[in-house]
């Protein structure tokens, strides 16, 4: 699977069914019953996205410049959306 962001295209691994189920569980556990996000659990979810995507620190460079932590989080969040197909529908 390919994902484009920050003027770069990344080739990432497609998650298996089992990985998608685990990812969904992590995503849902990051939000409590009051609708508030547990930041630690959200980052556990993003860490899992990174693991199953095959991305690593060496991949977070665009035009010889490393991405910021916020940009990395945005990329991983985009992958989360793609992996679970939870993008907004028109």
C-alpha atoms as a PDB file:
ATOM      1  CA  UNK A   1       0.000   0.000   0.000  1.00  0.00           C
ATOM      2  CA  UNK A   2       1.221   3.509  -0.741  1.00  0.00           C
ATOM      3  CA  UNK A   3       0.518   6.665   1.202  1.00  0.00           C
ATOM      4  CA  UNK A   4       1.370  10.205   0.113  1.00  0.00           C
ATOM      5  CA  UNK A   5       2.065  13.009   2.536  1.00  0.00           C
ATOM      6  CA  UNK A   6       4.578  15.852   2.910  1.00  0.00           C
ATOM      7  CA  UNK A   7       5.594  15.618  -0.769  1.00  0.00           C
ATOM      8  CA  UNK A   8       6.725  12.020  -0.339  1.00  0.00           C
ATOM      9  CA  UNK A   9       5.261   8.624  -1.081  1.00  0.00           C
ATOM     10  CA  UNK A  10       5.781   5.819   1.427  1.00  0.00           C
ATOM     11  CA  UNK A  11       5.396   2.131   0.640  1.00  0.00           C
ATOM     12  CA  UNK A  12       3.953   0.429   3.722  1.00  0.00           C
ATOM     13  CA  UNK A  13       2.861  -3.090   4.526  1.00  0.00           C
ATOM     14  CA  UNK A  14      -0.808  -3.957   4.368  1.00  0.00           C
ATOM     15  CA  UNK A  15      -2.067  -5.108   7.767  1.00  0.00           C
ATOM     16  CA  UNK A  16      -3.490  -8.577   8.184  1.00  0.00           C
ATOM     17  CA  UNK A  17      -7.015  -9.163   9.453  1.00  0.00           C
ATOM     18  CA  UNK A  18      -5.624 -10.004  12.904  1.00  0.00           C
ATOM     19  CA  UNK A  19      -3.545  -6.796  12.959  1.00  0.00           C
ATOM     20  CA  UNK A  20      -6.593  -4.749  11.947  1.00  0.00           C
ATOM     21  CA  UNK A  21      -8.629  -6.285  14.782  1.00  0.00           C
ATOM     22  CA  UNK A  22      -5.871  -5.473  17.293  1.00  0.00           C
ATOM     23  CA  UNK A  23      -5.596  -1.958  15.875  1.00  0.00           C
ATOM     24  CA  UNK A  24      -9.355  -1.429  16.176  1.00  0.00           C
ATOM     25  CA  UNK A  25      -9.238  -2.610  19.780  1.00  0.00           C
ATOM     26  CA  UNK A  26      -6.386  -0.201  20.576  1.00  0.00           C
ATOM     27  CA  UNK A  27      -8.179   2.680  18.853  1.00  0.00           C
ATOM     28  CA  UNK A  28     -11.433   2.092  20.692  1.00  0.00           C
ATOM     29  CA  UNK A  29      -9.691   1.702  24.060  1.00  0.00           C
ATOM     30  CA  UNK A  30      -8.104   5.147  23.602  1.00  0.00           C
ATOM     31  CA  UNK A  31     -11.513   6.793  24.044  1.00  0.00           C
ATOM     32  CA  UNK A  32     -13.274   6.490  27.383  1.00  0.00           C
ATOM     33  CA  UNK A  33     -17.028   6.325  27.960  1.00  0.00           C
ATOM     34  CA  UNK A  34     -17.172  10.112  28.305  1.00  0.00           C
ATOM     35  CA  UNK A  35     -15.604  10.588  24.867  1.00  0.00           C
ATOM     36  CA  UNK A  36     -12.258  11.757  26.204  1.00  0.00           C
ATOM     37  CA  UNK A  37      -9.031  10.556  24.620  1.00  0.00           C
ATOM     38  CA  UNK A  38      -6.471   8.742  26.761  1.00  0.00           C
ATOM     39  CA  UNK A  39      -3.254  10.126  25.255  1.00  0.00           C
ATOM     40  CA  UNK A  40      -1.097   7.208  26.404  1.00  0.00           C
ATOM     41  CA  UNK A  41      -3.442   4.701  24.780  1.00  0.00           C
ATOM     42  CA  UNK A  42      -3.609   6.802  21.624  1.00  0.00           C
ATOM     43  CA  UNK A  43       0.184   6.692  21.365  1.00  0.00           C
ATOM     44  CA  UNK A  44       0.099   2.926  21.967  1.00  0.00           C
ATOM     45  CA  UNK A  45      -2.208   2.780  18.956  1.00  0.00           C
ATOM     46  CA  UNK A  46       0.118   4.928  16.811  1.00  0.00           C
ATOM     47  CA  UNK A  47       3.101   2.822  17.891  1.00  0.00           C
ATOM     48  CA  UNK A  48       1.233  -0.271  16.708  1.00  0.00           C
ATOM     49  CA  UNK A  49       0.465   1.438  13.386  1.00  0.00           C
ATOM     50  CA  UNK A  50       4.169   2.132  12.993  1.00  0.00           C
ATOM     51  CA  UNK A  51       5.035  -1.487  13.789  1.00  0.00           C
ATOM     52  CA  UNK A  52       2.586  -3.082  11.352  1.00  0.00           C
ATOM     53  CA  UNK A  53       3.344  -0.549   8.596  1.00  0.00           C
ATOM     54  CA  UNK A  54       7.022  -1.430   8.583  1.00  0.00           C
ATOM     55  CA  UNK A  55       8.035   2.210   8.954  1.00  0.00           C
ATOM     56  CA  UNK A  56      10.955   3.163  11.174  1.00  0.00           C
ATOM     57  CA  UNK A  57      12.990   6.203  12.141  1.00  0.00           C
ATOM     58  CA  UNK A  58      14.996   6.046   8.920  1.00  0.00           C
ATOM     59  CA  UNK A  59      11.808   6.476   6.876  1.00  0.00           C
ATOM     60  CA  UNK A  60      10.879   9.812   8.426  1.00  0.00           C
ATOM     61  CA  UNK A  61      13.100  11.942   6.230  1.00  0.00           C
ATOM     62  CA  UNK A  62      11.798  14.157   3.438  1.00  0.00           C
ATOM     63  CA  UNK A  63      14.251  15.940   1.158  1.00  0.00           C
ATOM     64  CA  UNK A  64      17.129  15.274   3.583  1.00  0.00           C
ATOM     65  CA  UNK A  65      15.167  16.826   6.449  1.00  0.00           C
ATOM     66  CA  UNK A  66      13.720  14.738   9.297  1.00  0.00           C
ATOM     67  CA  UNK A  67      10.025  15.063  10.007  1.00  0.00           C
ATOM     68  CA  UNK A  68       8.970  16.636  13.294  1.00  0.00           C
ATOM     69  CA  UNK A  69       7.260  14.479  15.914  1.00  0.00           C
ATOM     70  CA  UNK A  70       3.969  16.191  15.029  1.00  0.00           C
ATOM     71  CA  UNK A  71       4.429  15.345  11.351  1.00  0.00           C
ATOM     72  CA  UNK A  72       5.235  11.725  12.221  1.00  0.00           C
ATOM     73  CA  UNK A  73       2.083  11.560  14.353  1.00  0.00           C
ATOM     74  CA  UNK A  74       0.080  12.990  11.433  1.00  0.00           C
ATOM     75  CA  UNK A  75       1.501  10.380   9.067  1.00  0.00           C
ATOM     76  CA  UNK A  76       0.760   7.544  11.493  1.00  0.00           C
ATOM     77  CA  UNK A  77      -2.759   8.913  12.063  1.00  0.00           C
ATOM     78  CA  UNK A  78      -3.338   8.943   8.317  1.00  0.00           C
ATOM     79  CA  UNK A  79      -2.183   5.326   8.140  1.00  0.00           C
ATOM     80  CA  UNK A  80      -4.545   4.429  10.996  1.00  0.00           C
ATOM     81  CA  UNK A  81      -7.419   5.911   9.008  1.00  0.00           C
ATOM     82  CA  UNK A  82      -6.348   4.081   5.853  1.00  0.00           C
ATOM     83  CA  UNK A  83      -5.793   0.753   7.609  1.00  0.00           C
ATOM     84  CA  UNK A  84      -9.211   0.778   9.256  1.00  0.00           C
ATOM     85  CA  UNK A  85     -10.994   2.571   6.419  1.00  0.00           C
ATOM     86  CA  UNK A  86     -12.536   5.090   8.817  1.00  0.00           C
ATOM     87  CA  UNK A  87     -12.249   8.118   6.538  1.00  0.00           C
ATOM     88  CA  UNK A  88     -15.232  10.434   6.380  1.00  0.00           C
ATOM     89  CA  UNK A  89     -17.797   9.393   3.789  1.00  0.00           C
ATOM     90  CA  UNK A  90     -19.590  11.953   1.655  1.00  0.00           C
END
